[in-house]
N, C-alpha and C. Protein backbone atom coordinates (compact mmCIF):
# COMPACT_ATOMS: atom_id res chain seq x y z
N LEU A 1 19.50 -27.05 63.54
CA LEU A 1 19.98 -26.84 62.77
C LEU A 1 19.03 -26.55 61.78
N LEU A 2 19.09 -25.15 61.37
CA LEU A 2 18.46 -24.57 60.16
C LEU A 2 19.55 -24.43 58.86
N GLU A 3 19.36 -24.62 57.84
CA GLU A 3 20.30 -23.92 56.99
C GLU A 3 19.48 -23.25 55.84
N TRP A 4 20.13 -22.18 55.06
CA TRP A 4 19.46 -21.59 54.06
C TRP A 4 20.54 -20.74 53.49
N VAL A 5 20.23 -20.40 52.19
CA VAL A 5 21.23 -20.28 51.28
C VAL A 5 20.60 -18.93 50.70
N PRO A 6 20.78 -17.60 50.83
CA PRO A 6 19.75 -16.47 50.11
C PRO A 6 20.00 -16.44 48.91
N SER A 7 19.00 -16.27 48.05
CA SER A 7 19.11 -15.58 46.81
C SER A 7 19.16 -13.97 46.33
N SER A 8 18.89 -13.47 47.80
CA SER A 8 19.31 -11.48 47.07
C SER A 8 19.67 -11.21 48.59
N THR A 9 19.77 -9.90 48.78
CA THR A 9 19.80 -9.03 49.91
C THR A 9 18.29 -8.91 50.39
N GLY A 10 18.38 -8.25 51.59
CA GLY A 10 17.20 -7.85 52.13
C GLY A 10 16.65 -8.31 53.35
N ALA A 11 15.57 -7.77 54.08
CA ALA A 11 15.22 -8.76 55.31
C ALA A 11 14.48 -9.69 55.19
N PHE A 12 14.73 -10.66 55.78
CA PHE A 12 13.59 -11.83 56.00
C PHE A 12 13.36 -12.40 56.94
N ALA A 13 11.87 -12.72 57.26
CA ALA A 13 11.53 -13.08 58.61
C ALA A 13 11.55 -14.45 58.39
N PHE A 14 11.29 -14.88 59.47
CA PHE A 14 11.34 -16.23 59.74
C PHE A 14 10.51 -16.40 61.58
N THR A 15 9.67 -17.46 61.16
CA THR A 15 8.78 -18.10 62.16
C THR A 15 9.38 -19.71 62.49
N VAL A 16 9.74 -20.05 63.89
CA VAL A 16 10.09 -21.40 64.09
C VAL A 16 9.19 -21.79 65.22
N GLN A 17 8.78 -23.19 65.02
CA GLN A 17 7.89 -23.50 65.43
C GLN A 17 8.04 -24.87 66.23
N THR A 18 8.43 -25.36 67.49
CA THR A 18 8.93 -26.72 68.04
C THR A 18 7.68 -27.38 68.81
N SER A 19 7.42 -28.52 68.72
CA SER A 19 6.99 -28.94 69.53
C SER A 19 7.57 -30.24 70.13
N ASN A 20 7.38 -30.85 71.54
CA ASN A 20 8.02 -32.02 71.81
C ASN A 20 6.91 -32.58 73.09
N THR A 21 7.21 -33.12 74.09
CA THR A 21 6.37 -33.49 75.11
C THR A 21 6.44 -32.67 76.26
N VAL A 22 7.18 -32.13 75.95
CA VAL A 22 7.38 -30.78 77.49
C VAL A 22 6.31 -29.61 76.85
N GLY A 23 5.78 -29.32 75.45
CA GLY A 23 5.23 -28.50 75.22
C GLY A 23 5.59 -27.95 73.97
N ASP A 24 4.84 -26.79 73.48
CA ASP A 24 5.19 -26.11 71.90
C ASP A 24 5.84 -24.64 72.58
N ASP A 25 6.38 -24.36 71.08
CA ASP A 25 7.15 -22.80 71.51
C ASP A 25 7.08 -22.31 69.81
N THR A 26 6.96 -21.22 69.94
CA THR A 26 7.36 -20.27 68.63
C THR A 26 8.25 -19.30 69.10
N GLN A 27 9.11 -19.31 68.01
CA GLN A 27 10.25 -18.00 68.13
C GLN A 27 9.96 -17.26 66.40
N SER A 28 9.86 -16.06 66.41
CA SER A 28 9.86 -15.07 65.43
C SER A 28 11.43 -14.32 65.44
N PHE A 29 12.16 -13.85 64.38
CA PHE A 29 12.94 -13.01 63.86
C PHE A 29 12.93 -12.98 62.65
N ILE A 30 14.26 -11.83 62.55
CA ILE A 30 14.56 -10.78 61.16
C ILE A 30 15.65 -11.20 60.76
N VAL A 31 16.23 -11.44 59.70
CA VAL A 31 17.41 -11.86 59.30
C VAL A 31 17.70 -10.54 58.22
N ASN A 32 18.64 -10.15 58.20
CA ASN A 32 19.37 -8.76 57.32
C ASN A 32 20.09 -9.36 56.50
N VAL A 33 20.10 -9.35 55.43
CA VAL A 33 21.31 -10.07 54.61
C VAL A 33 21.86 -8.99 53.95
N LEU A 34 23.25 -8.62 54.28
CA LEU A 34 23.46 -7.13 53.41
C LEU A 34 24.34 -7.54 51.85
N ASN A 35 25.08 -8.71 51.99
CA ASN A 35 25.61 -9.36 50.69
C ASN A 35 25.65 -10.47 50.35
N ARG A 36 25.20 -11.14 49.29
CA ARG A 36 25.21 -12.40 49.20
C ARG A 36 26.52 -12.85 48.43
N PRO A 37 26.33 -14.06 49.49
CA PRO A 37 27.82 -14.39 49.00
C PRO A 37 28.54 -14.85 47.48
N ASP A 38 29.76 -14.98 47.28
CA ASP A 38 30.25 -15.12 45.98
C ASP A 38 29.54 -16.43 45.63
N PRO A 39 29.58 -16.39 44.20
CA PRO A 39 28.91 -17.75 44.24
C PRO A 39 30.32 -18.92 43.76
N LYS A 40 29.84 -20.18 44.14
CA LYS A 40 30.86 -21.27 44.09
C LYS A 40 30.77 -21.79 42.56
N THR A 41 31.89 -22.01 41.88
CA THR A 41 32.00 -22.56 40.70
C THR A 41 32.40 -23.63 40.84
N ILE A 42 31.74 -24.51 40.04
CA ILE A 42 32.50 -26.34 40.12
C ILE A 42 32.51 -26.67 38.17
N ILE A 43 33.69 -26.86 37.65
CA ILE A 43 33.90 -26.93 36.52
C ILE A 43 34.53 -28.45 36.28
N VAL A 44 33.40 -29.32 35.61
CA VAL A 44 34.13 -31.04 35.56
C VAL A 44 34.52 -31.02 33.96
N ASP A 45 35.60 -30.90 33.64
CA ASP A 45 36.30 -31.46 32.27
C ASP A 45 36.43 -32.68 32.25
N ASN A 46 36.16 -32.70 30.80
CA ASN A 46 36.23 -34.31 30.37
C ASN A 46 37.86 -34.87 30.59
N GLY A 47 37.08 -36.52 31.14
CA GLY A 47 38.65 -37.40 31.89
C GLY A 47 38.64 -36.79 33.01
N ASP A 48 37.84 -35.84 33.94
CA ASP A 48 38.43 -35.64 35.43
C ASP A 48 37.46 -36.82 36.06
N SER A 49 37.95 -36.80 37.56
CA SER A 49 37.05 -38.17 38.20
C SER A 49 35.57 -37.73 38.20
N GLY A 50 35.13 -36.84 37.72
CA GLY A 50 33.45 -36.65 37.95
C GLY A 50 32.69 -37.03 36.57
N THR A 51 33.77 -37.82 35.65
CA THR A 51 32.93 -38.12 34.37
C THR A 51 32.87 -39.61 34.30
N SER A 52 31.97 -39.75 33.29
CA SER A 52 31.53 -41.72 32.82
C SER A 52 31.20 -41.50 31.52
N PHE A 53 31.34 -42.49 30.94
CA PHE A 53 30.90 -42.53 29.44
C PHE A 53 30.51 -43.59 28.73
N VAL A 54 29.73 -44.07 27.96
CA VAL A 54 29.20 -45.31 27.53
C VAL A 54 29.26 -45.55 26.25
N GLY A 55 30.21 -46.11 25.47
CA GLY A 55 30.68 -46.22 24.13
C GLY A 55 31.93 -45.32 24.03
N VAL A 56 32.17 -45.76 22.75
CA VAL A 56 33.83 -45.07 22.29
C VAL A 56 33.62 -43.68 22.09
N TRP A 57 34.51 -42.95 22.92
CA TRP A 57 34.99 -41.43 22.82
C TRP A 57 36.08 -41.26 22.56
N ASP A 58 36.77 -40.61 21.79
CA ASP A 58 38.01 -40.37 20.80
C ASP A 58 38.44 -38.91 21.56
N THR A 59 39.94 -38.89 21.28
CA THR A 59 39.88 -37.49 21.57
C THR A 59 39.85 -36.13 20.26
N SER A 60 39.19 -35.65 20.42
CA SER A 60 38.94 -34.46 18.90
C SER A 60 39.80 -33.60 18.83
N LEU A 61 40.21 -33.52 17.63
CA LEU A 61 40.99 -32.54 16.96
C LEU A 61 40.69 -31.21 16.89
N ALA A 62 38.94 -30.97 17.15
CA ALA A 62 38.49 -29.54 17.08
C ALA A 62 39.41 -28.48 17.51
N PRO A 63 39.54 -27.28 17.36
CA PRO A 63 40.11 -25.92 18.29
C PRO A 63 39.37 -25.51 19.29
N ASN A 64 39.81 -25.00 20.05
CA ASN A 64 39.03 -24.05 21.36
C ASN A 64 38.38 -24.90 22.06
N TYR A 65 39.30 -25.77 22.54
CA TYR A 65 38.56 -26.72 23.61
C TYR A 65 38.69 -25.97 24.93
N TYR A 66 37.73 -26.52 25.92
CA TYR A 66 38.25 -26.15 27.39
C TYR A 66 39.24 -27.26 28.00
N GLY A 67 39.98 -26.57 29.10
CA GLY A 67 41.52 -27.54 29.34
C GLY A 67 42.33 -27.99 28.63
N SER A 68 42.77 -29.14 28.63
CA SER A 68 43.69 -29.75 27.54
C SER A 68 43.41 -30.55 26.53
N SER A 69 42.08 -30.91 26.46
CA SER A 69 41.43 -31.72 25.35
C SER A 69 39.72 -31.69 25.29
N SER A 70 39.22 -32.23 24.38
CA SER A 70 37.85 -32.69 24.21
C SER A 70 37.80 -33.90 23.58
N VAL A 71 36.59 -34.69 23.74
CA VAL A 71 36.33 -36.03 23.32
C VAL A 71 35.45 -35.76 22.34
N VAL A 72 35.03 -36.92 21.03
CA VAL A 72 34.11 -36.78 20.25
C VAL A 72 33.64 -38.39 20.24
N ARG A 73 31.94 -38.38 19.88
CA ARG A 73 31.92 -39.80 19.32
C ARG A 73 31.33 -39.77 17.90
N ARG A 74 32.00 -40.60 17.01
CA ARG A 74 31.53 -40.38 15.93
C ARG A 74 30.79 -41.82 15.27
N ASP A 75 30.80 -42.66 16.23
CA ASP A 75 30.15 -44.24 15.75
C ASP A 75 28.83 -44.22 15.81
N VAL A 76 28.39 -45.00 14.89
CA VAL A 76 27.07 -45.40 14.84
C VAL A 76 26.35 -46.18 15.79
N GLY A 77 24.91 -45.66 16.35
CA GLY A 77 24.87 -46.20 17.73
C GLY A 77 25.06 -44.83 18.89
N THR A 78 23.95 -45.22 19.88
CA THR A 78 24.17 -44.34 20.93
C THR A 78 24.99 -44.16 21.80
N GLY A 79 25.64 -43.47 22.24
CA GLY A 79 26.53 -43.66 23.57
C GLY A 79 26.06 -42.35 24.19
N THR A 80 26.58 -42.10 25.43
CA THR A 80 26.49 -41.12 26.22
C THR A 80 27.73 -40.64 27.16
N TYR A 81 27.81 -39.69 27.71
CA TYR A 81 28.95 -38.66 28.24
C TYR A 81 28.18 -38.22 29.35
N THR A 82 28.56 -38.23 30.84
CA THR A 82 28.03 -37.72 31.68
C THR A 82 29.43 -36.94 33.01
N PHE A 83 28.62 -36.03 33.19
CA PHE A 83 29.30 -34.72 33.79
C PHE A 83 28.60 -34.61 35.29
N THR A 84 29.68 -35.36 36.48
CA THR A 84 28.76 -35.59 37.50
C THR A 84 29.76 -34.17 38.84
N ALA A 85 29.01 -33.44 39.43
CA ALA A 85 29.48 -32.41 40.24
C ALA A 85 28.97 -32.84 41.74
N ASN A 86 29.47 -33.13 42.46
CA ASN A 86 29.11 -33.42 43.66
C ASN A 86 29.11 -31.94 44.79
N GLY A 87 28.36 -31.84 45.90
CA GLY A 87 28.36 -30.86 46.71
C GLY A 87 27.81 -29.67 45.84
N VAL A 88 26.81 -29.90 45.14
CA VAL A 88 26.06 -28.81 44.94
C VAL A 88 24.57 -28.61 45.25
N TYR A 89 24.50 -27.46 45.94
CA TYR A 89 23.15 -27.39 46.34
C TYR A 89 22.64 -26.24 46.24
N GLY A 90 21.16 -26.37 45.78
CA GLY A 90 20.49 -24.94 45.74
C GLY A 90 20.11 -24.49 44.46
N THR A 91 19.78 -23.42 44.39
CA THR A 91 20.11 -22.92 42.67
C THR A 91 20.87 -22.81 42.11
N THR A 92 21.36 -23.07 41.09
CA THR A 92 22.47 -23.29 40.27
C THR A 92 22.43 -23.25 38.67
N ASP A 93 23.39 -22.13 38.23
CA ASP A 93 23.19 -22.05 36.74
C ASP A 93 24.21 -23.20 36.10
N VAL A 94 23.83 -23.81 35.25
CA VAL A 94 24.47 -24.97 34.53
C VAL A 94 24.74 -24.61 33.13
N PHE A 95 26.03 -24.51 32.56
CA PHE A 95 26.64 -24.38 31.74
C PHE A 95 27.36 -25.54 30.79
N LEU A 96 27.53 -25.96 29.62
CA LEU A 96 28.13 -26.71 28.65
C LEU A 96 29.20 -25.79 27.97
N TRP A 97 30.64 -26.38 27.64
CA TRP A 97 31.56 -26.13 26.82
C TRP A 97 31.68 -27.13 25.94
N TRP A 98 31.68 -26.91 24.27
CA TRP A 98 31.87 -27.96 23.13
C TRP A 98 32.86 -27.29 22.39
N THR A 99 33.37 -27.72 21.28
CA THR A 99 34.17 -27.52 20.34
C THR A 99 33.27 -27.64 19.21
N GLN A 100 32.97 -26.35 18.41
CA GLN A 100 32.40 -26.87 17.16
C GLN A 100 33.15 -26.83 15.45
N THR A 101 32.06 -28.20 14.97
CA THR A 101 32.99 -27.98 13.69
C THR A 101 31.54 -28.00 12.58
N THR A 102 32.19 -28.21 11.31
CA THR A 102 30.29 -28.65 10.36
C THR A 102 29.99 -29.86 10.16
N GLY A 103 31.13 -31.34 10.67
CA GLY A 103 30.73 -32.13 11.01
C GLY A 103 30.10 -32.46 12.14
N ARG A 104 29.59 -31.24 13.14
CA ARG A 104 29.01 -32.20 14.04
C ARG A 104 27.08 -32.00 13.86
N CYS A 105 26.78 -32.80 15.08
CA CYS A 105 25.12 -32.62 14.80
C CYS A 105 24.66 -31.48 15.34
N THR A 106 23.56 -31.50 15.19
CA THR A 106 22.95 -29.74 15.22
C THR A 106 21.48 -29.94 16.11
N SER A 107 21.61 -31.28 16.86
CA SER A 107 20.30 -31.64 17.84
C SER A 107 20.82 -32.64 18.62
N ILE A 108 21.46 -32.49 19.57
CA ILE A 108 22.23 -33.04 20.21
C ILE A 108 21.36 -33.49 21.77
N PRO A 109 20.59 -33.90 22.15
CA PRO A 109 19.97 -34.33 23.60
C PRO A 109 21.12 -33.96 24.59
N VAL A 110 20.64 -33.19 25.69
CA VAL A 110 21.18 -33.34 26.94
C VAL A 110 20.14 -33.13 27.99
N ALA A 111 20.85 -33.79 29.04
CA ALA A 111 19.75 -34.01 30.35
C ALA A 111 20.05 -33.48 31.02
N ILE A 112 19.44 -33.25 32.34
CA ILE A 112 19.99 -32.41 33.64
C ILE A 112 19.34 -33.56 34.83
N TYR A 113 20.02 -34.07 35.94
CA TYR A 113 19.76 -34.84 37.05
C TYR A 113 20.38 -33.89 38.04
N ASP A 114 19.12 -34.38 39.06
CA ASP A 114 19.78 -33.75 40.52
C ASP A 114 19.92 -35.43 41.14
N GLY A 115 20.89 -35.89 41.11
CA GLY A 115 20.94 -37.13 41.74
C GLY A 115 20.44 -37.99 40.65
N ALA A 116 19.45 -39.35 40.91
CA ALA A 116 19.09 -39.62 40.04
C ALA A 116 17.66 -39.29 39.58
N THR A 117 17.07 -37.93 39.96
CA THR A 117 16.17 -37.50 39.83
C THR A 117 16.10 -36.48 38.13
N LEU A 118 15.58 -36.87 37.39
CA LEU A 118 15.54 -36.10 36.17
C LEU A 118 14.89 -34.92 36.41
N LEU A 119 15.28 -33.74 35.82
CA LEU A 119 15.03 -32.42 36.11
C LEU A 119 14.69 -32.06 34.83
N ASN A 120 15.43 -32.01 33.64
CA ASN A 120 15.18 -31.41 32.44
C ASN A 120 15.88 -32.66 31.10
N ASN A 121 14.90 -33.24 30.17
CA ASN A 121 15.40 -33.78 29.18
C ASN A 121 15.17 -33.25 27.99
N SER A 122 14.57 -31.89 27.40
CA SER A 122 14.10 -31.30 26.38
C SER A 122 15.25 -30.56 25.89
N ILE A 123 16.62 -30.11 26.32
CA ILE A 123 17.90 -29.66 26.00
C ILE A 123 18.04 -30.21 24.91
N ARG A 124 18.17 -29.33 23.74
CA ARG A 124 19.13 -29.71 22.45
C ARG A 124 19.97 -28.91 21.80
N ILE A 125 21.38 -28.98 21.99
CA ILE A 125 22.31 -28.48 21.45
C ILE A 125 22.84 -28.68 19.95
N ASN A 126 23.47 -27.35 19.42
CA ASN A 126 23.57 -27.49 18.29
C ASN A 126 25.65 -27.23 18.23
N GLN A 127 25.93 -28.23 17.97
CA GLN A 127 27.16 -28.44 17.83
C GLN A 127 28.32 -27.67 16.90
N GLN A 128 27.47 -26.95 15.75
CA GLN A 128 28.31 -26.32 14.69
C GLN A 128 28.32 -25.01 14.72
N ALA A 129 27.56 -24.51 15.99
CA ALA A 129 27.58 -22.95 16.35
C ALA A 129 28.02 -22.89 18.06
N ASN A 130 28.16 -21.97 18.34
CA ASN A 130 28.63 -21.30 20.17
C ASN A 130 30.10 -21.95 20.39
N GLY A 131 30.72 -22.73 19.75
CA GLY A 131 31.90 -23.31 20.13
C GLY A 131 33.02 -22.72 21.00
N GLY A 132 33.51 -23.18 21.90
CA GLY A 132 34.81 -22.57 22.47
C GLY A 132 34.37 -21.47 23.47
N GLN A 133 33.11 -21.71 24.14
CA GLN A 133 32.55 -21.13 25.38
C GLN A 133 31.70 -21.80 26.11
N TRP A 134 31.26 -21.39 27.40
CA TRP A 134 30.30 -21.75 28.27
C TRP A 134 28.91 -21.44 27.77
N ASN A 135 27.91 -22.07 27.19
CA ASN A 135 26.69 -22.39 26.85
C ASN A 135 25.86 -22.61 28.19
N ARG A 136 25.08 -21.43 28.16
CA ARG A 136 23.82 -21.84 29.35
C ARG A 136 22.93 -22.21 28.86
N LEU A 137 22.69 -23.63 30.06
CA LEU A 137 21.61 -24.79 29.63
C LEU A 137 20.20 -24.38 30.76
N GLY A 138 20.35 -23.50 31.37
CA GLY A 138 19.57 -22.83 32.54
C GLY A 138 19.68 -23.16 33.84
N THR A 139 18.73 -22.88 34.68
CA THR A 139 18.84 -22.62 36.28
C THR A 139 17.77 -23.77 36.59
N TYR A 140 18.63 -24.69 37.67
CA TYR A 140 18.26 -25.85 38.27
C TYR A 140 18.22 -25.60 39.94
N THR A 141 17.53 -26.58 40.49
CA THR A 141 17.94 -26.91 42.30
C THR A 141 18.38 -27.89 42.38
N PHE A 142 19.28 -28.50 42.77
CA PHE A 142 20.12 -29.29 43.48
C PHE A 142 20.21 -29.43 44.80
N SER A 143 20.04 -31.06 45.19
CA SER A 143 20.57 -31.22 46.55
C SER A 143 21.48 -32.13 46.77
N GLY A 144 22.78 -32.16 46.29
CA GLY A 144 23.79 -32.33 46.52
C GLY A 144 24.39 -33.11 45.51
N THR A 145 24.20 -33.58 44.59
CA THR A 145 24.78 -34.42 43.04
C THR A 145 23.88 -33.69 41.89
N ALA A 146 25.00 -32.81 41.08
CA ALA A 146 24.23 -32.52 39.88
C ALA A 146 24.68 -32.97 38.33
N LYS A 147 24.03 -33.55 37.85
CA LYS A 147 24.38 -34.46 36.55
C LYS A 147 24.06 -33.88 35.16
N VAL A 148 24.89 -33.59 34.31
CA VAL A 148 24.94 -33.26 32.81
C VAL A 148 24.97 -34.26 31.95
N VAL A 149 24.18 -34.88 31.22
CA VAL A 149 24.46 -36.24 30.57
C VAL A 149 23.98 -35.64 29.41
N ILE A 150 25.26 -35.95 28.15
CA ILE A 150 25.20 -35.42 26.65
C ILE A 150 24.75 -37.05 26.01
N THR A 151 24.01 -37.07 24.88
CA THR A 151 23.25 -38.39 24.45
C THR A 151 24.31 -38.51 23.06
N ALA A 152 25.24 -38.96 22.58
CA ALA A 152 25.65 -38.96 21.26
C ALA A 152 24.49 -39.61 20.35
N ILE A 153 23.82 -39.21 19.21
CA ILE A 153 22.85 -39.30 18.70
C ILE A 153 23.22 -40.90 17.46
N GLY A 154 24.48 -40.37 17.05
CA GLY A 154 24.76 -41.73 16.21
C GLY A 154 24.33 -41.45 14.96
N GLU A 155 24.20 -40.77 14.07
CA GLU A 155 23.79 -40.27 13.08
C GLU A 155 25.10 -39.95 12.01
N THR A 156 25.32 -39.42 10.96
CA THR A 156 26.43 -39.11 10.53
C THR A 156 27.01 -37.73 10.71
N CYS A 157 26.87 -37.82 12.01
CA CYS A 157 27.75 -36.09 12.33
C CYS A 157 28.32 -36.88 13.88
N GLY A 158 29.28 -36.14 14.59
CA GLY A 158 29.71 -36.22 15.70
C GLY A 158 29.51 -35.26 16.96
N THR A 159 29.26 -36.22 18.12
CA THR A 159 28.97 -35.29 19.23
C THR A 159 30.13 -35.11 20.12
N ASN A 160 30.36 -33.97 20.45
CA ASN A 160 31.51 -33.57 21.61
C ASN A 160 30.99 -33.26 22.97
N ALA A 161 32.02 -33.87 23.96
CA ALA A 161 31.70 -33.62 24.96
C ALA A 161 33.16 -33.12 25.79
N ASP A 162 32.81 -31.89 26.31
CA ASP A 162 34.23 -31.27 26.57
C ASP A 162 34.16 -30.95 28.02
N ALA A 163 33.29 -29.84 28.45
CA ALA A 163 33.35 -29.56 30.11
C ALA A 163 31.82 -28.75 30.51
N ALA A 164 31.46 -29.17 31.54
CA ALA A 164 30.61 -28.63 32.02
C ALA A 164 30.88 -27.85 33.45
N GLU A 165 29.92 -26.69 33.94
CA GLU A 165 30.06 -25.85 34.70
C GLU A 165 28.89 -25.53 35.59
N PHE A 166 29.00 -25.89 36.63
CA PHE A 166 27.95 -25.20 37.67
C PHE A 166 28.24 -24.00 38.79
N ILE A 167 27.59 -22.86 38.29
CA ILE A 167 27.49 -21.98 39.35
C ILE A 167 26.62 -21.64 40.54
N VAL A 168 26.67 -22.26 41.71
CA VAL A 168 26.14 -22.17 43.03
C VAL A 168 25.63 -20.67 43.58
């Protein structure tokens, strides 16, 4: 079984080589991709089955949340909120939705994981801006489980966790 998700249209040349106790064989062929499949979108909203958290996260009163609510951590001390999407394979655009207020932190750490493997932990988001919309965190390659982890920095500001979007 060979699996492949094309990233564009066009002609793609393949060569498959096999070996076993009977002998070797090589087959070459060309696959013409006329239309890329429609992207698959997975959204994980706060409180969904794909979320988990450490620390106390309260319901936020800020407007422009995704879905029915969002949560915020205001307590001193570090806490995390994790959005997990299963069935995410290949090149994927990752987005976060948050609500904004002037009381939010301006340099919140966000990490992206492929399962347990860290892909990027250098993202910082400013939750005093760009709230109430999808904000692109980047493009990553996943092998089944995609995770976005928000870390509340516990200073004199709040950290919001609302929703994550994965477009495969």
